[in-house]
Amino acid sequence: MNSIAKAFEALFERQEWRFFKTDENNYAFGFNSEVNRFNLHATIEDQRHTLTIYSQVPFQVPPGRMSEIAELVSRANWNMILGNFELDYDDGEIRFKISQSFRFREPDPDEIMELLDCALSMMQVYYTCFGDVIYGGQTVEEALSHM
């Protein structure tokens, strides 16, 4: 097990959280918030010495709403310092991605906690906006004005 995986698993053990290891370098887990339950997964890339955490919106974008959600993703990503939103045009998945390189230092569980916090916080902040555009019929500007 590499040092990133050790730090990741140490954080989850310390917090008494559960995860499912899908293979040697991938983890799946979920968190409940006041808004919803979010599915997350983490990927460790050994050769790049990186940890990437994804949080996923729990619904798919219908084909008729792709252009509005693409605009929302683009507006949300503008000036974003850490991480970014992604939209998969093939299946309508929206996710937030944040990564960290540990090439020159050992990872610390608290650093991984910060990545998780960021992924969850951004999803909670924008979750309602995505839903308002897809299901509430709001324009992107209207949805973002409530933030």
C-alpha atoms as a PDB file:
ATOM      1  CA  MET A   1       0.000   0.000   0.000  1.00  0.00           C
ATOM      2  CA  ASN A   2       1.436   3.389  -0.940  1.00  0.00           C
ATOM      3  CA  SER A   3       1.662   6.393   1.380  1.00  0.00           C
ATOM      4  CA  ILE A   4      -1.362   8.153  -0.147  1.00  0.00           C
ATOM      5  CA  ALA A   5      -3.550   5.099   0.425  1.00  0.00           C
ATOM      6  CA  LYS A   6      -2.234   4.791   3.994  1.00  0.00           C
ATOM      7  CA  ALA A   7      -3.071   8.417   4.765  1.00  0.00           C
ATOM      8  CA  PHE A   8      -6.492   8.112   3.108  1.00  0.00           C
ATOM      9  CA  GLU A   9      -7.377   4.987   5.061  1.00  0.00           C
ATOM     10  CA  ALA A  10      -5.978   6.477   8.289  1.00  0.00           C
ATOM     11  CA  LEU A  11      -8.303   9.456   7.922  1.00  0.00           C
ATOM     12  CA  PHE A  12     -11.333   7.225   7.426  1.00  0.00           C
ATOM     13  CA  GLU A  13     -10.333   5.023  10.358  1.00  0.00           C
ATOM     14  CA  ARG A  14      -9.816   8.068  12.604  1.00  0.00           C
ATOM     15  CA  GLN A  15     -13.234   9.491  11.640  1.00  0.00           C
ATOM     16  CA  GLU A  16     -14.877   6.048  11.845  1.00  0.00           C
ATOM     17  CA  TRP A  17     -16.135   6.421   8.270  1.00  0.00           C
ATOM     18  CA  ARG A  18     -16.712   3.607   5.846  1.00  0.00           C
ATOM     19  CA  PHE A  19     -15.357   3.202   2.345  1.00  0.00           C
ATOM     20  CA  PHE A  20     -15.470   0.512  -0.282  1.00  0.00           C
ATOM     21  CA  LYS A  21     -12.237  -0.273  -2.055  1.00  0.00           C
ATOM     22  CA  THR A  22     -13.158  -0.980  -5.670  1.00  0.00           C
ATOM     23  CA  ASP A  23      -9.597  -1.959  -6.558  1.00  0.00           C
ATOM     24  CA  GLU A  24      -6.080  -1.234  -5.350  1.00  0.00           C
ATOM     25  CA  ASN A  25      -6.215   2.473  -6.233  1.00  0.00           C
ATOM     26  CA  ASN A  26      -9.914   3.391  -6.092  1.00  0.00           C
ATOM     27  CA  TYR A  27     -12.268   4.031  -3.209  1.00  0.00           C
ATOM     28  CA  ALA A  28     -16.011   4.665  -3.144  1.00  0.00           C
ATOM     29  CA  PHE A  29     -17.822   6.292  -0.233  1.00  0.00           C
ATOM     30  CA  GLY A  30     -20.753   8.560   0.540  1.00  0.00           C
ATOM     31  CA  PHE A  31     -21.687  11.416   2.815  1.00  0.00           C
ATOM     32  CA  ASN A  32     -25.043  12.638   3.987  1.00  0.00           C
ATOM     33  CA  SER A  33     -25.581  16.374   4.181  1.00  0.00           C
ATOM     34  CA  GLU A  34     -28.521  18.596   4.974  1.00  0.00           C
ATOM     35  CA  VAL A  35     -29.127  18.807   1.224  1.00  0.00           C
ATOM     36  CA  ASN A  36     -28.687  15.236   0.049  1.00  0.00           C
ATOM     37  CA  ARG A  37     -26.524  12.151   0.053  1.00  0.00           C
ATOM     38  CA  PHE A  38     -23.480  12.569  -2.152  1.00  0.00           C
ATOM     39  CA  ASN A  39     -21.530   9.735  -3.690  1.00  0.00           C
ATOM     40  CA  LEU A  40     -17.804  10.266  -3.824  1.00  0.00           C
ATOM     41  CA  HIS A  41     -14.859   8.349  -5.084  1.00  0.00           C
ATOM     42  CA  ALA A  42     -11.132   8.745  -4.781  1.00  0.00           C
ATOM     43  CA  THR A  43      -8.454   7.657  -7.214  1.00  0.00           C
ATOM     44  CA  ILE A  44      -4.783   7.288  -6.440  1.00  0.00           C
ATOM     45  CA  GLU A  45      -2.416   7.444  -9.393  1.00  0.00           C
ATOM     46  CA  ASP A  46       0.834   5.837  -8.298  1.00  0.00           C
ATOM     47  CA  GLN A  47       2.964   7.061 -11.195  1.00  0.00           C
ATOM     48  CA  ARG A  48       1.815  10.665 -10.759  1.00  0.00           C
ATOM     49  CA  HIS A  49       1.744  10.477  -6.943  1.00  0.00           C
ATOM     50  CA  THR A  50      -1.704  12.093  -6.938  1.00  0.00           C
ATOM     51  CA  LEU A  51      -4.972  11.731  -5.115  1.00  0.00           C
ATOM     52  CA  THR A  52      -8.106  12.866  -6.922  1.00  0.00           C
ATOM     53  CA  ILE A  53     -11.465  13.107  -5.156  1.00  0.00           C
ATOM     54  CA  TYR A  54     -14.742  13.340  -7.057  1.00  0.00           C
ATOM     55  CA  SER A  55     -18.140  14.238  -5.622  1.00  0.00           C
ATOM     56  CA  GLN A  56     -21.101  13.500  -7.864  1.00  0.00           C
ATOM     57  CA  VAL A  57     -24.481  15.155  -8.229  1.00  0.00           C
ATOM     58  CA  PRO A  58     -27.052  12.413  -7.500  1.00  0.00           C
ATOM     59  CA  PHE A  59     -28.995  12.964 -10.733  1.00  0.00           C
ATOM     60  CA  GLN A  60     -28.267  13.037 -14.449  1.00  0.00           C
ATOM     61  CA  VAL A  61     -28.708  16.023 -16.757  1.00  0.00           C
ATOM     62  CA  PRO A  62     -31.445  15.381 -19.329  1.00  0.00           C
ATOM     63  CA  PRO A  63     -30.291  15.914 -22.938  1.00  0.00           C
ATOM     64  CA  GLY A  64     -32.566  18.945 -23.304  1.00  0.00           C
ATOM     65  CA  ARG A  65     -30.796  20.743 -20.437  1.00  0.00           C
ATOM     66  CA  MET A  66     -27.168  20.071 -21.418  1.00  0.00           C
ATOM     67  CA  SER A  67     -26.455  23.537 -22.805  1.00  0.00           C
ATOM     68  CA  GLU A  68     -27.804  25.315 -19.712  1.00  0.00           C
ATOM     69  CA  ILE A  69     -25.852  23.044 -17.367  1.00  0.00           C
ATOM     70  CA  ALA A  70     -22.701  23.450 -19.475  1.00  0.00           C
ATOM     71  CA  GLU A  71     -23.100  27.205 -19.038  1.00  0.00           C
ATOM     72  CA  LEU A  72     -23.652  26.778 -15.304  1.00  0.00           C
ATOM     73  CA  VAL A  73     -20.540  24.588 -15.018  1.00  0.00           C
ATOM     74  CA  SER A  74     -18.526  27.153 -16.954  1.00  0.00           C
ATOM     75  CA  ARG A  75     -19.759  30.032 -14.795  1.00  0.00           C
ATOM     76  CA  ALA A  76     -19.166  28.058 -11.597  1.00  0.00           C
ATOM     77  CA  ASN A  77     -15.598  27.210 -12.655  1.00  0.00           C
ATOM     78  CA  TRP A  78     -14.703  30.800 -13.487  1.00  0.00           C
ATOM     79  CA  ASN A  79     -12.205  32.069 -10.883  1.00  0.00           C
ATOM     80  CA  MET A  80     -12.520  28.833  -8.859  1.00  0.00           C
ATOM     81  CA  ILE A  81      -9.256  28.435  -6.966  1.00  0.00           C
ATOM     82  CA  LEU A  82      -9.437  24.770  -5.932  1.00  0.00           C
ATOM     83  CA  GLY A  83     -10.970  22.072  -8.093  1.00  0.00           C
ATOM     84  CA  ASN A  84     -13.531  22.284 -10.855  1.00  0.00           C
ATOM     85  CA  PHE A  85     -16.883  20.984 -12.005  1.00  0.00           C
ATOM     86  CA  GLU A  86     -17.099  18.558 -14.924  1.00  0.00           C
ATOM     87  CA  LEU A  87     -20.033  17.636 -17.153  1.00  0.00           C
ATOM     88  CA  ASP A  88     -20.074  14.383 -19.103  1.00  0.00           C
ATOM     89  CA  TYR A  89     -22.026  15.001 -22.295  1.00  0.00           C
ATOM     90  CA  ASP A  90     -22.414  11.250 -22.901  1.00  0.00           C
ATOM     91  CA  ASP A  91     -24.374  10.381 -19.766  1.00  0.00           C
ATOM     92  CA  GLY A  92     -25.238  13.713 -18.101  1.00  0.00           C
ATOM     93  CA  GLU A  93     -23.065  13.187 -15.028  1.00  0.00           C
ATOM     94  CA  ILE A  94     -22.012  16.291 -13.102  1.00  0.00           C
ATOM     95  CA  ARG A  95     -19.147  15.996 -10.680  1.00  0.00           C
ATOM     96  CA  PHE A  96     -16.697  18.130  -8.769  1.00  0.00           C
ATOM     97  CA  LYS A  97     -13.027  17.155  -8.952  1.00  0.00           C
ATOM     98  CA  ILE A  98     -10.123  18.159  -6.733  1.00  0.00           C
ATOM     99  CA  SER A  99      -6.600  16.730  -6.878  1.00  0.00           C
ATOM    100  CA  GLN A 100      -3.372  16.965  -4.941  1.00  0.00           C
ATOM    101  CA  SER A 101       0.139  15.876  -5.825  1.00  0.00           C
ATOM    102  CA  PHE A 102       2.271  14.215  -3.166  1.00  0.00           C
ATOM    103  CA  ARG A 103       5.351  13.670  -5.318  1.00  0.00           C
ATOM    104  CA  PHE A 104       7.787  15.418  -2.982  1.00  0.00           C
ATOM    105  CA  ARG A 105       6.238  14.851   0.429  1.00  0.00           C
ATOM    106  CA  GLU A 106       4.291  12.393   2.479  1.00  0.00           C
ATOM    107  CA  PRO A 107       0.536  12.944   2.593  1.00  0.00           C
ATOM    108  CA  ASP A 108      -1.108  13.817   5.860  1.00  0.00           C
ATOM    109  CA  PRO A 109      -4.646  12.680   6.723  1.00  0.00           C
ATOM    110  CA  ASP A 110      -5.557  16.300   7.552  1.00  0.00           C
ATOM    111  CA  GLU A 111      -4.620  17.389   4.024  1.00  0.00           C
ATOM    112  CA  ILE A 112      -6.878  14.692   2.637  1.00  0.00           C
ATOM    113  CA  MET A 113      -9.626  15.927   4.948  1.00  0.00           C
ATOM    114  CA  GLU A 114      -9.272  19.399   3.391  1.00  0.00           C
ATOM    115  CA  LEU A 115      -9.706  17.888  -0.079  1.00  0.00           C
ATOM    116  CA  LEU A 116     -12.821  16.039   1.061  1.00  0.00           C
ATOM    117  CA  ASP A 117     -14.207  19.180   2.700  1.00  0.00           C
ATOM    118  CA  CYS A 118     -13.683  21.143  -0.487  1.00  0.00           C
ATOM    119  CA  ALA A 119     -15.337  18.497  -2.678  1.00  0.00           C
ATOM    120  CA  LEU A 120     -18.355  18.287  -0.380  1.00  0.00           C
ATOM    121  CA  SER A 121     -18.644  22.026   0.213  1.00  0.00           C
ATOM    122  CA  MET A 122     -18.618  22.876  -3.467  1.00  0.00           C
ATOM    123  CA  MET A 123     -21.207  20.220  -4.189  1.00  0.00           C
ATOM    124  CA  GLN A 124     -23.463  21.531  -1.417  1.00  0.00           C
ATOM    125  CA  VAL A 125     -23.083  25.113  -2.620  1.00  0.00           C
ATOM    126  CA  TYR A 126     -23.968  24.359  -6.252  1.00  0.00           C
ATOM    127  CA  TYR A 127     -26.340  21.388  -5.824  1.00  0.00           C
ATOM    128  CA  THR A 128     -29.408  23.605  -5.591  1.00  0.00           C
ATOM    129  CA  CYS A 129     -28.317  25.623  -8.629  1.00  0.00           C
ATOM    130  CA  PHE A 130     -28.081  22.481 -10.756  1.00  0.00           C
ATOM    131  CA  GLY A 131     -31.496  21.311  -9.570  1.00  0.00           C
ATOM    132  CA  ASP A 132     -33.077  24.729 -10.078  1.00  0.00           C
ATOM    133  CA  VAL A 133     -31.966  24.797 -13.709  1.00  0.00           C
ATOM    134  CA  ILE A 134     -32.797  21.159 -14.493  1.00  0.00           C
ATOM    135  CA  TYR A 135     -36.048  20.736 -12.556  1.00  0.00           C
ATOM    136  CA  GLY A 136     -37.116  24.240 -11.537  1.00  0.00           C
ATOM    137  CA  GLY A 137     -37.012  25.830 -14.964  1.00  0.00           C
ATOM    138  CA  GLN A 138     -34.785  28.666 -13.791  1.00  0.00           C
ATOM    139  CA  THR A 139     -32.210  30.293 -16.007  1.00  0.00           C
ATOM    140  CA  VAL A 140     -28.568  29.938 -15.085  1.00  0.00           C
ATOM    141  CA  GLU A 141     -28.495  33.582 -13.987  1.00  0.00           C
ATOM    142  CA  GLU A 142     -31.567  33.115 -11.776  1.00  0.00           C
ATOM    143  CA  ALA A 143     -30.145  29.979 -10.160  1.00  0.00           C
ATOM    144  CA  LEU A 144     -26.801  31.635  -9.443  1.00  0.00           C
ATOM    145  CA  SER A 145     -28.430  34.781  -8.060  1.00  0.00           C
ATOM    146  CA  HIS A 146     -29.648  32.803  -5.004  1.00  0.00           C
ATOM    147  CA  MET A 147     -26.118  31.963  -3.878  1.00  0.00           C
END
